[in-house]
Amino acid sequence: MAKILIVEDESVLQKALNDMLVESGYQTVQAMDGDEGLALALKSAPDLILLDLVLPKKHGLEVLKELKESEQTSSIPVIVLTNLEGSEDIMKALDLGAKAYLVKANYNVRDVLEKIQNILQ
């Protein structure tokens, strides 16, 4: 069973993602801010990370940069979640090593599940 770290500060979205992933057979760990997300990535060794970009305490791009610079977490695939369609942040995230991104206004939780399944195959 794959373990997925959800780093999302919007509690309603975090719960929806968590519920869908648990129902689909994944184990989950959740963080509400960037610092907690980094700590849990190191502690829980997830198989994949769902990372919001706009987070309290540490921006998602900084979290992604630190994840990819750490030997312990650099190989973990990251899917970036953002409200910022067409922004430079998406290009920066991909340049920093994100495997994929989803714009929150344009997806539902099933789209997230499909991306996760494709990446973890």
PDB file of N, CA and C in Angstrom:
ATOM      1  N   MET A   1       0.844  -1.179   0.000  1.00  0.00           N
ATOM      2  CA  MET A   1       0.000   0.000   0.000  1.00  0.00           C
ATOM      3  C   MET A   1       0.891   1.245   0.000  1.00  0.00           C
ATOM      4  N   ALA A   2       0.691   2.085  -0.978  1.00  0.00           N
ATOM      5  CA  ALA A   2       1.503   3.293  -1.093  1.00  0.00           C
ATOM      6  C   ALA A   2       1.062   4.339  -0.068  1.00  0.00           C
ATOM      7  N   LYS A   3       2.037   5.091   0.411  1.00  0.00           N
ATOM      8  CA  LYS A   3       1.780   6.156   1.384  1.00  0.00           C
ATOM      9  C   LYS A   3       1.902   7.504   0.677  1.00  0.00           C
ATOM     10  N   ILE A   4       0.898   8.356   0.882  1.00  0.00           N
ATOM     11  CA  ILE A   4       0.870   9.662   0.241  1.00  0.00           C
ATOM     12  C   ILE A   4       0.805  10.752   1.299  1.00  0.00           C
ATOM     13  N   LEU A   5       1.711  11.708   1.179  1.00  0.00           N
ATOM     14  CA  LEU A   5       1.725  12.882   2.052  1.00  0.00           C
ATOM     15  C   LEU A   5       0.934  13.987   1.370  1.00  0.00           C
ATOM     16  N   ILE A   6      -0.075  14.499   2.057  1.00  0.00           N
ATOM     17  CA  ILE A   6      -0.896  15.606   1.558  1.00  0.00           C
ATOM     18  C   ILE A   6      -0.480  16.860   2.314  1.00  0.00           C
ATOM     19  N   VAL A   7       0.102  17.828   1.601  1.00  0.00           N
ATOM     20  CA  VAL A   7       0.499  19.099   2.222  1.00  0.00           C
ATOM     21  C   VAL A   7      -0.452  20.161   1.662  1.00  0.00           C
ATOM     22  N   GLU A   8      -1.486  20.456   2.434  1.00  0.00           N
ATOM     23  CA  GLU A   8      -2.573  21.331   1.984  1.00  0.00           C
ATOM     24  C   GLU A   8      -3.156  22.045   3.198  1.00  0.00           C
ATOM     25  N   ASP A   9      -3.223  23.380   3.142  1.00  0.00           N
ATOM     26  CA  ASP A   9      -3.713  24.136   4.287  1.00  0.00           C
ATOM     27  C   ASP A   9      -5.222  24.364   4.270  1.00  0.00           C
ATOM     28  N   GLU A  10      -5.885  24.081   3.171  1.00  0.00           N
ATOM     29  CA  GLU A  10      -7.344  24.208   3.121  1.00  0.00           C
ATOM     30  C   GLU A  10      -7.944  22.907   3.640  1.00  0.00           C
ATOM     31  N   SER A  11      -8.505  22.957   4.849  1.00  0.00           N
ATOM     32  CA  SER A  11      -8.934  21.726   5.529  1.00  0.00           C
ATOM     33  C   SER A  11     -10.003  20.954   4.762  1.00  0.00           C
ATOM     34  N   VAL A  12     -10.920  21.639   4.078  1.00  0.00           N
ATOM     35  CA  VAL A  12     -11.967  20.947   3.325  1.00  0.00           C
ATOM     36  C   VAL A  12     -11.353  20.156   2.174  1.00  0.00           C
ATOM     37  N   LEU A  13     -10.433  20.765   1.451  1.00  0.00           N
ATOM     38  CA  LEU A  13      -9.771  20.075   0.350  1.00  0.00           C
ATOM     39  C   LEU A  13      -8.888  18.950   0.874  1.00  0.00           C
ATOM     40  N   GLN A  14      -8.170  19.208   1.954  1.00  0.00           N
ATOM     41  CA  GLN A  14      -7.322  18.161   2.532  1.00  0.00           C
ATOM     42  C   GLN A  14      -8.161  16.947   2.917  1.00  0.00           C
ATOM     43  N   LYS A  15      -9.324  17.172   3.538  1.00  0.00           N
ATOM     44  CA  LYS A  15     -10.200  16.065   3.932  1.00  0.00           C
ATOM     45  C   LYS A  15     -10.729  15.334   2.703  1.00  0.00           C
ATOM     46  N   ALA A  16     -11.132  16.060   1.669  1.00  0.00           N
ATOM     47  CA  ALA A  16     -11.648  15.420   0.450  1.00  0.00           C
ATOM     48  C   ALA A  16     -10.574  14.547  -0.198  1.00  0.00           C
ATOM     49  N   LEU A  17      -9.352  15.069  -0.290  1.00  0.00           N
ATOM     50  CA  LEU A  17      -8.247  14.291  -0.857  1.00  0.00           C
ATOM     51  C   LEU A  17      -7.962  13.064   0.007  1.00  0.00           C
ATOM     52  N   ASN A  18      -7.907  13.273   1.319  1.00  0.00           N
ATOM     53  CA  ASN A  18      -7.631  12.176   2.238  1.00  0.00           C
ATOM     54  C   ASN A  18      -8.687  11.079   2.116  1.00  0.00           C
ATOM     55  N   ASP A  19      -9.955  11.466   2.153  1.00  0.00           N
ATOM     56  CA  ASP A  19     -11.034  10.477   2.083  1.00  0.00           C
ATOM     57  C   ASP A  19     -10.964   9.675   0.791  1.00  0.00           C
ATOM     58  N   MET A  20     -10.751  10.352  -0.325  1.00  0.00           N
ATOM     59  CA  MET A  20     -10.682   9.682  -1.623  1.00  0.00           C
ATOM     60  C   MET A  20      -9.492   8.721  -1.676  1.00  0.00           C
ATOM     61  N   LEU A  21      -8.351   9.142  -1.152  1.00  0.00           N
ATOM     62  CA  LEU A  21      -7.159   8.285  -1.184  1.00  0.00           C
ATOM     63  C   LEU A  21      -7.315   7.065  -0.277  1.00  0.00           C
ATOM     64  N   VAL A  22      -7.855   7.266   0.913  1.00  0.00           N
ATOM     65  CA  VAL A  22      -8.074   6.146   1.838  1.00  0.00           C
ATOM     66  C   VAL A  22      -9.063   5.149   1.224  1.00  0.00           C
ATOM     67  N   GLU A  23     -10.151   5.659   0.636  1.00  0.00           N
ATOM     68  CA  GLU A  23     -11.130   4.790  -0.020  1.00  0.00           C
ATOM     69  C   GLU A  23     -10.507   4.012  -1.175  1.00  0.00           C
ATOM     70  N   SER A  24      -9.472   4.572  -1.787  1.00  0.00           N
ATOM     71  CA  SER A  24      -8.805   3.929  -2.919  1.00  0.00           C
ATOM     72  C   SER A  24      -7.664   3.014  -2.481  1.00  0.00           C
ATOM     73  N   GLY A  25      -7.489   2.872  -1.172  1.00  0.00           N
ATOM     74  CA  GLY A  25      -6.508   1.922  -0.661  1.00  0.00           C
ATOM     75  C   GLY A  25      -5.141   2.488  -0.325  1.00  0.00           C
ATOM     76  N   TYR A  26      -5.011   3.811  -0.334  1.00  0.00           N
ATOM     77  CA  TYR A  26      -3.731   4.434   0.006  1.00  0.00           C
ATOM     78  C   TYR A  26      -3.684   4.754   1.499  1.00  0.00           C
ATOM     79  N   GLN A  27      -2.478   4.758   2.023  1.00  0.00           N
ATOM     80  CA  GLN A  27      -2.242   5.252   3.378  1.00  0.00           C
ATOM     81  C   GLN A  27      -1.897   6.731   3.233  1.00  0.00           C
ATOM     82  N   THR A  28      -2.358   7.568   4.153  1.00  0.00           N
ATOM     83  CA  THR A  28      -2.083   9.001   4.038  1.00  0.00           C
ATOM     84  C   THR A  28      -1.471   9.571   5.302  1.00  0.00           C
ATOM     85  N   VAL A  29      -0.739  10.657   5.098  1.00  0.00           N
ATOM     86  CA  VAL A  29      -0.201  11.490   6.165  1.00  0.00           C
ATOM     87  C   VAL A  29      -0.531  12.916   5.734  1.00  0.00           C
ATOM     88  N   GLN A  30      -0.913  13.781   6.677  1.00  0.00           N
ATOM     89  CA  GLN A  30      -1.309  15.136   6.303  1.00  0.00           C
ATOM     90  C   GLN A  30      -0.517  16.203   7.043  1.00  0.00           C
ATOM     91  N   ALA A  31      -0.262  17.282   6.319  1.00  0.00           N
ATOM     92  CA  ALA A  31       0.401  18.455   6.900  1.00  0.00           C
ATOM     93  C   ALA A  31      -0.379  19.694   6.484  1.00  0.00           C
ATOM     94  N   MET A  32      -0.414  20.685   7.379  1.00  0.00           N
ATOM     95  CA  MET A  32      -1.167  21.916   7.124  1.00  0.00           C
ATOM     96  C   MET A  32      -0.284  23.096   6.710  1.00  0.00           C
ATOM     97  N   ASP A  33       1.038  22.937   6.774  1.00  0.00           N
ATOM     98  CA  ASP A  33       1.921  24.033   6.377  1.00  0.00           C
ATOM     99  C   ASP A  33       3.229  23.463   5.819  1.00  0.00           C
ATOM    100  N   GLY A  34       4.033  24.340   5.259  1.00  0.00           N
ATOM    101  CA  GLY A  34       5.264  23.907   4.614  1.00  0.00           C
ATOM    102  C   GLY A  34       6.278  23.265   5.543  1.00  0.00           C
ATOM    103  N   ASP A  35       6.453  23.839   6.713  1.00  0.00           N
ATOM    104  CA  ASP A  35       7.414  23.273   7.668  1.00  0.00           C
ATOM    105  C   ASP A  35       7.010  21.865   8.094  1.00  0.00           C
ATOM    106  N   GLU A  36       5.731  21.702   8.414  1.00  0.00           N
ATOM    107  CA  GLU A  36       5.231  20.390   8.822  1.00  0.00           C
ATOM    108  C   GLU A  36       5.344  19.388   7.661  1.00  0.00           C
ATOM    109  N   GLY A  37       5.090  19.859   6.449  1.00  0.00           N
ATOM    110  CA  GLY A  37       5.209  18.993   5.277  1.00  0.00           C
ATOM    111  C   GLY A  37       6.624  18.467   5.099  1.00  0.00           C
ATOM    112  N   LEU A  38       7.600  19.344   5.242  1.00  0.00           N
ATOM    113  CA  LEU A  38       9.003  18.905   5.139  1.00  0.00           C
ATOM    114  C   LEU A  38       9.347  17.899   6.222  1.00  0.00           C
ATOM    115  N   ALA A  39       8.940  18.194   7.441  1.00  0.00           N
ATOM    116  CA  ALA A  39       9.238  17.300   8.566  1.00  0.00           C
ATOM    117  C   ALA A  39       8.608  15.921   8.345  1.00  0.00           C
ATOM    118  N   LEU A  40       7.367  15.896   7.888  1.00  0.00           N
ATOM    119  CA  LEU A  40       6.690  14.621   7.674  1.00  0.00           C
ATOM    120  C   LEU A  40       7.258  13.862   6.474  1.00  0.00           C
ATOM    121  N   ALA A  41       7.736  14.585   5.474  1.00  0.00           N
ATOM    122  CA  ALA A  41       8.363  13.911   4.329  1.00  0.00           C
ATOM    123  C   ALA A  41       9.605  13.158   4.795  1.00  0.00           C
ATOM    124  N   LEU A  42      10.365  13.769   5.675  1.00  0.00           N
ATOM    125  CA  LEU A  42      11.569  13.122   6.204  1.00  0.00           C
ATOM    126  C   LEU A  42      11.220  11.979   7.158  1.00  0.00           C
ATOM    127  N   LYS A  43      10.215  12.197   7.993  1.00  0.00           N
ATOM    128  CA  LYS A  43       9.857  11.221   9.019  1.00  0.00           C
ATOM    129  C   LYS A  43       9.097  10.016   8.460  1.00  0.00           C
ATOM    130  N   SER A  44       8.165  10.259   7.536  1.00  0.00           N
ATOM    131  CA  SER A  44       7.254   9.187   7.115  1.00  0.00           C
ATOM    132  C   SER A  44       7.635   8.514   5.803  1.00  0.00           C
ATOM    133  N   ALA A  45       8.614   9.056   5.088  1.00  0.00           N
ATOM    134  CA  ALA A  45       9.072   8.478   3.814  1.00  0.00           C
ATOM    135  C   ALA A  45       7.910   8.095   2.898  1.00  0.00           C
ATOM    136  N   PRO A  46       7.127   9.081   2.444  1.00  0.00           N
ATOM    137  CA  PRO A  46       5.988   8.764   1.584  1.00  0.00           C
ATOM    138  C   PRO A  46       6.438   8.313   0.187  1.00  0.00           C
ATOM    139  N   ASP A  47       5.519   7.650  -0.508  1.00  0.00           N
ATOM    140  CA  ASP A  47       5.783   7.220  -1.886  1.00  0.00           C
ATOM    141  C   ASP A  47       5.488   8.331  -2.882  1.00  0.00           C
ATOM    142  N   LEU A  48       4.676   9.312  -2.460  1.00  0.00           N
ATOM    143  CA  LEU A  48       4.311  10.438  -3.315  1.00  0.00           C
ATOM    144  C   LEU A  48       3.849  11.566  -2.415  1.00  0.00           C
ATOM    145  N   ILE A  49       4.041  12.801  -2.889  1.00  0.00           N
ATOM    146  CA  ILE A  49       3.627  13.984  -2.124  1.00  0.00           C
ATOM    147  C   ILE A  49       2.695  14.834  -2.977  1.00  0.00           C
ATOM    148  N   LEU A  50       1.540  15.207  -2.416  1.00  0.00           N
ATOM    149  CA  LEU A  50       0.651  16.207  -2.998  1.00  0.00           C
ATOM    150  C   LEU A  50       0.969  17.506  -2.277  1.00  0.00           C
ATOM    151  N   LEU A  51       1.416  18.515  -3.015  1.00  0.00           N
ATOM    152  CA  LEU A  51       1.943  19.734  -2.400  1.00  0.00           C
ATOM    153  C   LEU A  51       1.242  20.976  -2.920  1.00  0.00           C
ATOM    154  N   ASP A  52       0.528  21.658  -2.036  1.00  0.00           N
ATOM    155  CA  ASP A  52      -0.045  22.955  -2.370  1.00  0.00           C
ATOM    156  C   ASP A  52       1.106  23.958  -2.457  1.00  0.00           C
ATOM    157  N   LEU A  53       0.975  24.954  -3.304  1.00  0.00           N
ATOM    158  CA  LEU A  53       2.044  25.955  -3.403  1.00  0.00           C
ATOM    159  C   LEU A  53       1.891  27.073  -2.389  1.00  0.00           C
ATOM    160  N   VAL A  54       0.665  27.527  -2.153  1.00  0.00           N
ATOM    161  CA  VAL A  54       0.453  28.639  -1.233  1.00  0.00           C
ATOM    162  C   VAL A  54       0.159  28.052   0.145  1.00  0.00           C
ATOM    163  N   LEU A  55       1.188  28.069   0.998  1.00  0.00           N
ATOM    164  CA  LEU A  55       1.116  27.460   2.327  1.00  0.00           C
ATOM    165  C   LEU A  55       1.594  28.430   3.397  1.00  0.00           C
ATOM    166  N   PRO A  56       1.071  28.283   4.612  1.00  0.00           N
ATOM    167  CA  PRO A  56       1.633  29.063   5.717  1.00  0.00           C
ATOM    168  C   PRO A  56       3.047  28.589   6.062  1.00  0.00           C
ATOM    169  N   LYS A  57       3.803  29.439   6.670  1.00  0.00           N
ATOM    170  CA  LYS A  57       5.144  29.199   7.213  1.00  0.00           C
ATOM    171  C   LYS A  57       6.222  29.026   6.140  1.00  0.00           C
ATOM    172  N   LYS A  58       5.966  28.256   5.094  1.00  0.00           N
ATOM    173  CA  LYS A  58       6.962  28.073   4.036  1.00  0.00           C
ATOM    174  C   LYS A  58       6.228  27.810   2.729  1.00  0.00           C
ATOM    175  N   HIS A  59       6.518  28.619   1.702  1.00  0.00           N
ATOM    176  CA  HIS A  59       5.866  28.482   0.401  1.00  0.00           C
ATOM    177  C   HIS A  59       6.165  27.105  -0.194  1.00  0.00           C
ATOM    178  N   GLY A  60       5.214  26.577  -0.940  1.00  0.00           N
ATOM    179  CA  GLY A  60       5.361  25.265  -1.548  1.00  0.00           C
ATOM    180  C   GLY A  60       6.578  25.126  -2.450  1.00  0.00           C
ATOM    181  N   LEU A  61       6.948  26.202  -3.155  1.00  0.00           N
ATOM    182  CA  LEU A  61       8.143  26.122  -4.006  1.00  0.00           C
ATOM    183  C   LEU A  61       9.405  25.923  -3.176  1.00  0.00           C
ATOM    184  N   GLU A  62       9.467  26.564  -2.026  1.00  0.00           N
ATOM    185  CA  GLU A  62      10.616  26.384  -1.139  1.00  0.00           C
ATOM    186  C   GLU A  62      10.627  24.963  -0.572  1.00  0.00           C
ATOM    187  N   VAL A  63       9.441  24.456  -0.228  1.00  0.00           N
ATOM    188  CA  VAL A  63       9.337  23.072   0.246  1.00  0.00           C
ATOM    189  C   VAL A  63       9.830  22.120  -0.844  1.00  0.00           C
ATOM    190  N   LEU A  64       9.365  22.319  -2.070  1.00  0.00           N
ATOM    191  CA  LEU A  64       9.759  21.466  -3.186  1.00  0.00           C
ATOM    192  C   LEU A  64      11.266  21.520  -3.412  1.00  0.00           C
ATOM    193  N   LYS A  65      11.827  22.715  -3.374  1.00  0.00           N
ATOM    194  CA  LYS A  65      13.274  22.878  -3.557  1.00  0.00           C
ATOM    195  C   LYS A  65      14.042  22.094  -2.496  1.00  0.00           C
ATOM    196  N   GLU A  66      13.611  22.213  -1.247  1.00  0.00           N
ATOM    197  CA  GLU A  66      14.294  21.497  -0.159  1.00  0.00           C
ATOM    198  C   GLU A  66      14.106  19.987  -0.273  1.00  0.00           C
ATOM    199  N   LEU A  67      12.927  19.561  -0.698  1.00  0.00           N
ATOM    200  CA  LEU A  67      12.698  18.118  -0.898  1.00  0.00           C
ATOM    201  C   LEU A  67      13.649  17.567  -1.953  1.00  0.00           C
ATOM    202  N   LYS A  68      13.805  18.293  -3.045  1.00  0.00           N
ATOM    203  CA  LYS A  68      14.619  17.808  -4.157  1.00  0.00           C
ATOM    204  C   LYS A  68      16.117  17.928  -3.872  1.00  0.00           C
ATOM    205  N   GLU A  69      16.500  18.794  -2.927  1.00  0.00           N
ATOM    206  CA  GLU A  69      17.910  18.934  -2.559  1.00  0.00           C
ATOM    207  C   GLU A  69      18.341  17.908  -1.506  1.00  0.00           C
ATOM    208  N   SER A  70      17.379  17.309  -0.820  1.00  0.00           N
ATOM    209  CA  SER A  70      17.693  16.347   0.225  1.00  0.00           C
ATOM    210  C   SER A  70      17.857  14.952  -0.369  1.00  0.00           C
ATOM    211  N   GLU A  71      18.956  14.304  -0.014  1.00  0.00           N
ATOM    212  CA  GLU A  71      19.198  12.951  -0.498  1.00  0.00           C
ATOM    213  C   GLU A  71      18.066  12.012  -0.080  1.00  0.00           C
ATOM    214  N   GLN A  72      17.525  12.253   1.091  1.00  0.00           N
ATOM    215  CA  GLN A  72      16.492  11.381   1.650  1.00  0.00           C
ATOM    216  C   GLN A  72      15.150  11.495   0.915  1.00  0.00           C
ATOM    217  N   THR A  73      14.867  12.664   0.331  1.00  0.00           N
ATOM    218  CA  THR A  73      13.544  12.880  -0.276  1.00  0.00           C
ATOM    219  C   THR A  73      13.586  13.220  -1.767  1.00  0.00           C
ATOM    220  N   SER A  74      14.752  13.316  -2.348  1.00  0.00           N
ATOM    221  CA  SER A  74      14.854  13.797  -3.728  1.00  0.00           C
ATOM    222  C   SER A  74      14.154  12.913  -4.756  1.00  0.00           C
ATOM    223  N   SER A  75      14.019  11.635  -4.476  1.00  0.00           N
ATOM    224  CA  SER A  75      13.404  10.734  -5.462  1.00  0.00           C
ATOM    225  C   SER A  75      11.892  10.580  -5.289  1.00  0.00           C
ATOM    226  N   ILE A  76      11.313  11.220  -4.273  1.00  0.00           N
ATOM    227  CA  ILE A  76       9.868  11.116  -4.056  1.00  0.00           C
ATOM    228  C   ILE A  76       9.149  11.978  -5.096  1.00  0.00           C
ATOM    229  N   PRO A  77       8.231  11.376  -5.877  1.00  0.00           N
ATOM    230  CA  PRO A  77       7.490  12.190  -6.848  1.00  0.00           C
ATOM    231  C   PRO A  77       6.555  13.175  -6.156  1.00  0.00           C
ATOM    232  N   VAL A  78       6.454  14.376  -6.729  1.00  0.00           N
ATOM    233  CA  VAL A  78       5.624  15.441  -6.158  1.00  0.00           C
ATOM    234  C   VAL A  78       4.630  15.917  -7.208  1.00  0.00           C
ATOM    235  N   ILE A  79       3.356  15.987  -6.812  1.00  0.00           N
ATOM    236  CA  ILE A  79       2.322  16.610  -7.636  1.00  0.00           C
ATOM    237  C   ILE A  79       1.964  17.925  -6.960  1.00  0.00           C
ATOM    238  N   VAL A  80       2.095  19.010  -7.698  1.00  0.00           N
ATOM    239  CA  VAL A  80       1.825  20.345  -7.165  1.00  0.00           C
ATOM    240  C   VAL A  80       0.356  20.698  -7.395  1.00  0.00           C
ATOM    241  N   LEU A  81      -0.279  21.215  -6.356  1.00  0.00           N
ATOM    242  CA  LEU A  81      -1.656  21.701  -6.414  1.00  0.00           C
ATOM    243  C   LEU A  81      -1.612  23.220  -6.272  1.00  0.00           C
ATOM    244  N   THR A  82      -2.322  23.928  -7.155  1.00  0.00           N
ATOM    245  CA  THR A  82      -2.247  25.384  -7.098  1.00  0.00           C
ATOM    246  C   THR A  82      -3.550  26.029  -7.561  1.00  0.00           C
ATOM    247  N   ASN A  83      -3.787  27.232  -7.104  1.00  0.00           N
ATOM    248  CA  ASN A  83      -4.888  28.056  -7.613  1.00  0.00           C
ATOM    249  C   ASN A  83      -4.398  28.972  -8.724  1.00  0.00           C
ATOM    250  N   LEU A  84      -3.107  28.944  -8.982  1.00  0.00           N
ATOM    251  CA  LEU A  84      -2.462  29.934  -9.828  1.00  0.00           C
ATOM    252  C   LEU A  84      -2.277  29.432 -11.254  1.00  0.00           C
ATOM    253  N   GLU A  85      -3.368  29.326 -12.010  1.00  0.00           N
ATOM    254  CA  GLU A  85      -3.299  28.831 -13.378  1.00  0.00           C
ATOM    255  C   GLU A  85      -2.445  29.758 -14.253  1.00  0.00           C
ATOM    256  N   GLY A  86      -1.558  29.157 -15.042  1.00  0.00           N
ATOM    257  CA  GLY A  86      -0.748  29.928 -15.968  1.00  0.00           C
ATOM    258  C   GLY A  86       0.330  30.761 -15.306  1.00  0.00           C
ATOM    259  N   SER A  87       0.579  30.506 -14.049  1.00  0.00           N
ATOM    260  CA  SER A  87       1.549  31.333 -13.346  1.00  0.00           C
ATOM    261  C   SER A  87       2.969  30.837 -13.553  1.00  0.00           C
ATOM    262  N   GLU A  88       3.907  31.689 -13.250  1.00  0.00           N
ATOM    263  CA  GLU A  88       5.318  31.308 -13.283  1.00  0.00           C
ATOM    264  C   GLU A  88       5.601  30.220 -12.264  1.00  0.00           C
ATOM    265  N   ASP A  89       4.788  30.167 -11.207  1.00  0.00           N
ATOM    266  CA  ASP A  89       5.000  29.163 -10.166  1.00  0.00           C
ATOM    267  C   ASP A  89       4.902  27.745 -10.718  1.00  0.00           C
ATOM    268  N   ILE A  90       4.011  27.526 -11.664  1.00  0.00           N
ATOM    269  CA  ILE A  90       3.878  26.183 -12.250  1.00  0.00           C
ATOM    270  C   ILE A  90       5.160  25.816 -12.979  1.00  0.00           C
ATOM    271  N   MET A  91       5.689  26.728 -13.765  1.00  0.00           N
ATOM    272  CA  MET A  91       6.939  26.455 -14.500  1.00  0.00           C
ATOM    273  C   MET A  91       8.095  26.254 -13.524  1.00  0.00           C
ATOM    274  N   LYS A  92       8.141  27.066 -12.471  1.00  0.00           N
ATOM    275  CA  LYS A  92       9.187  26.905 -11.468  1.00  0.00           C
ATOM    276  C   LYS A  92       9.085  25.538 -10.800  1.00  0.00           C
ATOM    277  N   ALA A  93       7.851  25.130 -10.478  1.00  0.00           N
ATOM    278  CA  ALA A  93       7.648  23.834  -9.823  1.00  0.00           C
ATOM    279  C   ALA A  93       8.133  22.700 -10.721  1.00  0.00           C
ATOM    280  N   LEU A  94       7.803  22.760 -11.989  1.00  0.00           N
ATOM    281  CA  LEU A  94       8.254  21.719 -12.923  1.00  0.00           C
ATOM    282  C   LEU A  94       9.774  21.754 -13.067  1.00  0.00           C
ATOM    283  N   ASP A  95      10.339  22.938 -13.126  1.00  0.00           N
ATOM    284  CA  ASP A  95      11.802  23.076 -13.204  1.00  0.00           C
ATOM    285  C   ASP A  95      12.485  22.515 -11.956  1.00  0.00           C
ATOM    286  N   LEU A  96      11.826  22.646 -10.806  1.00  0.00           N
ATOM    287  CA  LEU A  96      12.402  22.150  -9.553  1.00  0.00           C
ATOM    288  C   LEU A  96      12.237  20.636  -9.385  1.00  0.00           C
ATOM    289  N   GLY A  97      11.464  20.023 -10.270  1.00  0.00           N
ATOM    290  CA  GLY A  97      11.356  18.567 -10.221  1.00  0.00           C
ATOM    291  C   GLY A  97       9.980  18.000  -9.937  1.00  0.00           C
ATOM    292  N   ALA A  98       8.943  18.838  -9.903  1.00  0.00           N
ATOM    293  CA  ALA A  98       7.587  18.304  -9.737  1.00  0.00           C
ATOM    294  C   ALA A  98       7.259  17.414 -10.931  1.00  0.00           C
ATOM    295  N   LYS A  99       6.595  16.295 -10.675  1.00  0.00           N
ATOM    296  CA  LYS A  99       6.209  15.366 -11.738  1.00  0.00           C
ATOM    297  C   LYS A  99       4.995  15.857 -12.505  1.00  0.00           C
ATOM    298  N   ALA A 100       4.114  16.591 -11.831  1.00  0.00           N
ATOM    299  CA  ALA A 100       2.876  17.057 -12.445  1.00  0.00           C
ATOM    300  C   ALA A 100       2.313  18.194 -11.611  1.00  0.00           C
ATOM    301  N   TYR A 101       1.326  18.875 -12.181  1.00  0.00           N
ATOM    302  CA  TYR A 101       0.627  19.904 -11.424  1.00  0.00           C
ATOM    303  C   TYR A 101      -0.851  19.857 -11.788  1.00  0.00           C
ATOM    304  N   LEU A 102      -1.671  20.302 -10.872  1.00  0.00           N
ATOM    305  CA  LEU A 102      -3.106  20.420 -11.109  1.00  0.00           C
ATOM    306  C   LEU A 102      -3.550  21.784 -10.596  1.00  0.00           C
ATOM    307  N   VAL A 103      -4.337  22.488 -11.416  1.00  0.00           N
ATOM    308  CA  VAL A 103      -4.911  23.765 -11.012  1.00  0.00           C
ATOM    309  C   VAL A 103      -6.229  23.464 -10.309  1.00  0.00           C
ATOM    310  N   LYS A 104      -6.340  23.901  -9.063  1.00  0.00           N
ATOM    311  CA  LYS A 104      -7.484  23.533  -8.216  1.00  0.00           C
ATOM    312  C   LYS A 104      -8.830  23.822  -8.869  1.00  0.00           C
ATOM    313  N   ALA A 105      -8.965  24.934  -9.559  1.00  0.00           N
ATOM    314  CA  ALA A 105     -10.254  25.288 -10.158  1.00  0.00           C
ATOM    315  C   ALA A 105     -10.634  24.342 -11.299  1.00  0.00           C
ATOM    316  N   ASN A 106      -9.658  23.617 -11.835  1.00  0.00           N
ATOM    317  CA  ASN A 106      -9.894  22.806 -13.037  1.00  0.00           C
ATOM    318  C   ASN A 106      -9.910  21.304 -12.793  1.00  0.00           C
ATOM    319  N   TYR A 107      -9.873  20.843 -11.560  1.00  0.00           N
ATOM    320  CA  TYR A 107      -9.866  19.402 -11.349  1.00  0.00           C
ATOM    321  C   TYR A 107     -10.805  19.002 -10.233  1.00  0.00           C
ATOM    322  N   ASN A 108     -11.099  17.705 -10.220  1.00  0.00           N
ATOM    323  CA  ASN A 108     -11.810  17.147  -9.072  1.00  0.00           C
ATOM    324  C   ASN A 108     -10.897  16.095  -8.458  1.00  0.00           C
ATOM    325  N   VAL A 109     -11.298  15.546  -7.328  1.00  0.00           N
ATOM    326  CA  VAL A 109     -10.407  14.630  -6.620  1.00  0.00           C
ATOM    327  C   VAL A 109     -10.107  13.372  -7.447  1.00  0.00           C
ATOM    328  N   ARG A 110     -11.004  12.997  -8.344  1.00  0.00           N
ATOM    329  CA  ARG A 110     -10.742  11.836  -9.214  1.00  0.00           C
ATOM    330  C   ARG A 110      -9.578  12.109 -10.165  1.00  0.00           C
ATOM    331  N   ASP A 111      -9.435  13.351 -10.621  1.00  0.00           N
ATOM    332  CA  ASP A 111      -8.288  13.715 -11.467  1.00  0.00           C
ATOM    333  C   ASP A 111      -6.979  13.511 -10.713  1.00  0.00           C
ATOM    334  N   VAL A 112      -7.002  13.842  -9.432  1.00  0.00           N
ATOM    335  CA  VAL A 112      -5.815  13.661  -8.593  1.00  0.00           C
ATOM    336  C   VAL A 112      -5.490  12.175  -8.492  1.00  0.00           C
ATOM    337  N   LEU A 113      -6.494  11.361  -8.255  1.00  0.00           N
ATOM    338  CA  LEU A 113      -6.300   9.915  -8.140  1.00  0.00           C
ATOM    339  C   LEU A 113      -5.696   9.343  -9.422  1.00  0.00           C
ATOM    340  N   GLU A 114      -6.201   9.794 -10.563  1.00  0.00           N
ATOM    341  CA  GLU A 114      -5.684   9.315 -11.845  1.00  0.00           C
ATOM    342  C   GLU A 114      -4.201   9.683 -12.019  1.00  0.00           C
ATOM    343  N   LYS A 115      -3.841  10.914 -11.678  1.00  0.00           N
ATOM    344  CA  LYS A 115      -2.431  11.335 -11.773  1.00  0.00           C
ATOM    345  C   LYS A 115      -1.555  10.495 -10.856  1.00  0.00           C
ATOM    346  N   ILE A 116      -2.024  10.266  -9.621  1.00  0.00           N
ATOM    347  CA  ILE A 116      -1.263   9.470  -8.655  1.00  0.00           C
ATOM    348  C   ILE A 116      -1.038   8.065  -9.191  1.00  0.00           C
ATOM    349  N   GLN A 117      -2.098   7.454  -9.682  1.00  0.00           N
ATOM    350  CA  GLN A 117      -1.987   6.087 -10.209  1.00  0.00           C
ATOM    351  C   GLN A 117      -1.007   6.019 -11.374  1.00  0.00           C
ATOM    352  N   ASN A 118      -1.059   7.001 -12.263  1.00  0.00           N
ATOM    353  CA  ASN A 118      -0.137   7.021 -13.405  1.00  0.00           C
ATOM    354  C   ASN A 118       1.314   7.159 -12.966  1.00  0.00           C
ATOM    355  N   ILE A 119       1.565   7.990 -11.969  1.00  0.00           N
ATOM    356  CA  ILE A 119       2.937   8.215 -11.505  1.00  0.00           C
ATOM    357  C   ILE A 119       3.470   7.018 -10.731  1.00  0.00           C
ATOM    358  N   LEU A 120       2.619   6.376  -9.931  1.00  0.00           N
ATOM    359  CA  LEU A 120       3.088   5.274  -9.084  1.00  0.00           C
ATOM    360  C   LEU A 120       3.134   3.922  -9.799  1.00  0.00           C
ATOM    361  N   GLN A 121       2.664   3.858 -11.023  1.00  0.00           N
ATOM    362  CA  GLN A 121       2.703   2.583 -11.766  1.00  0.00           C
ATOM    363  C   GLN A 121       4.114   2.114 -12.000  1.00  0.00           C
TER     364      GLN A 121
END
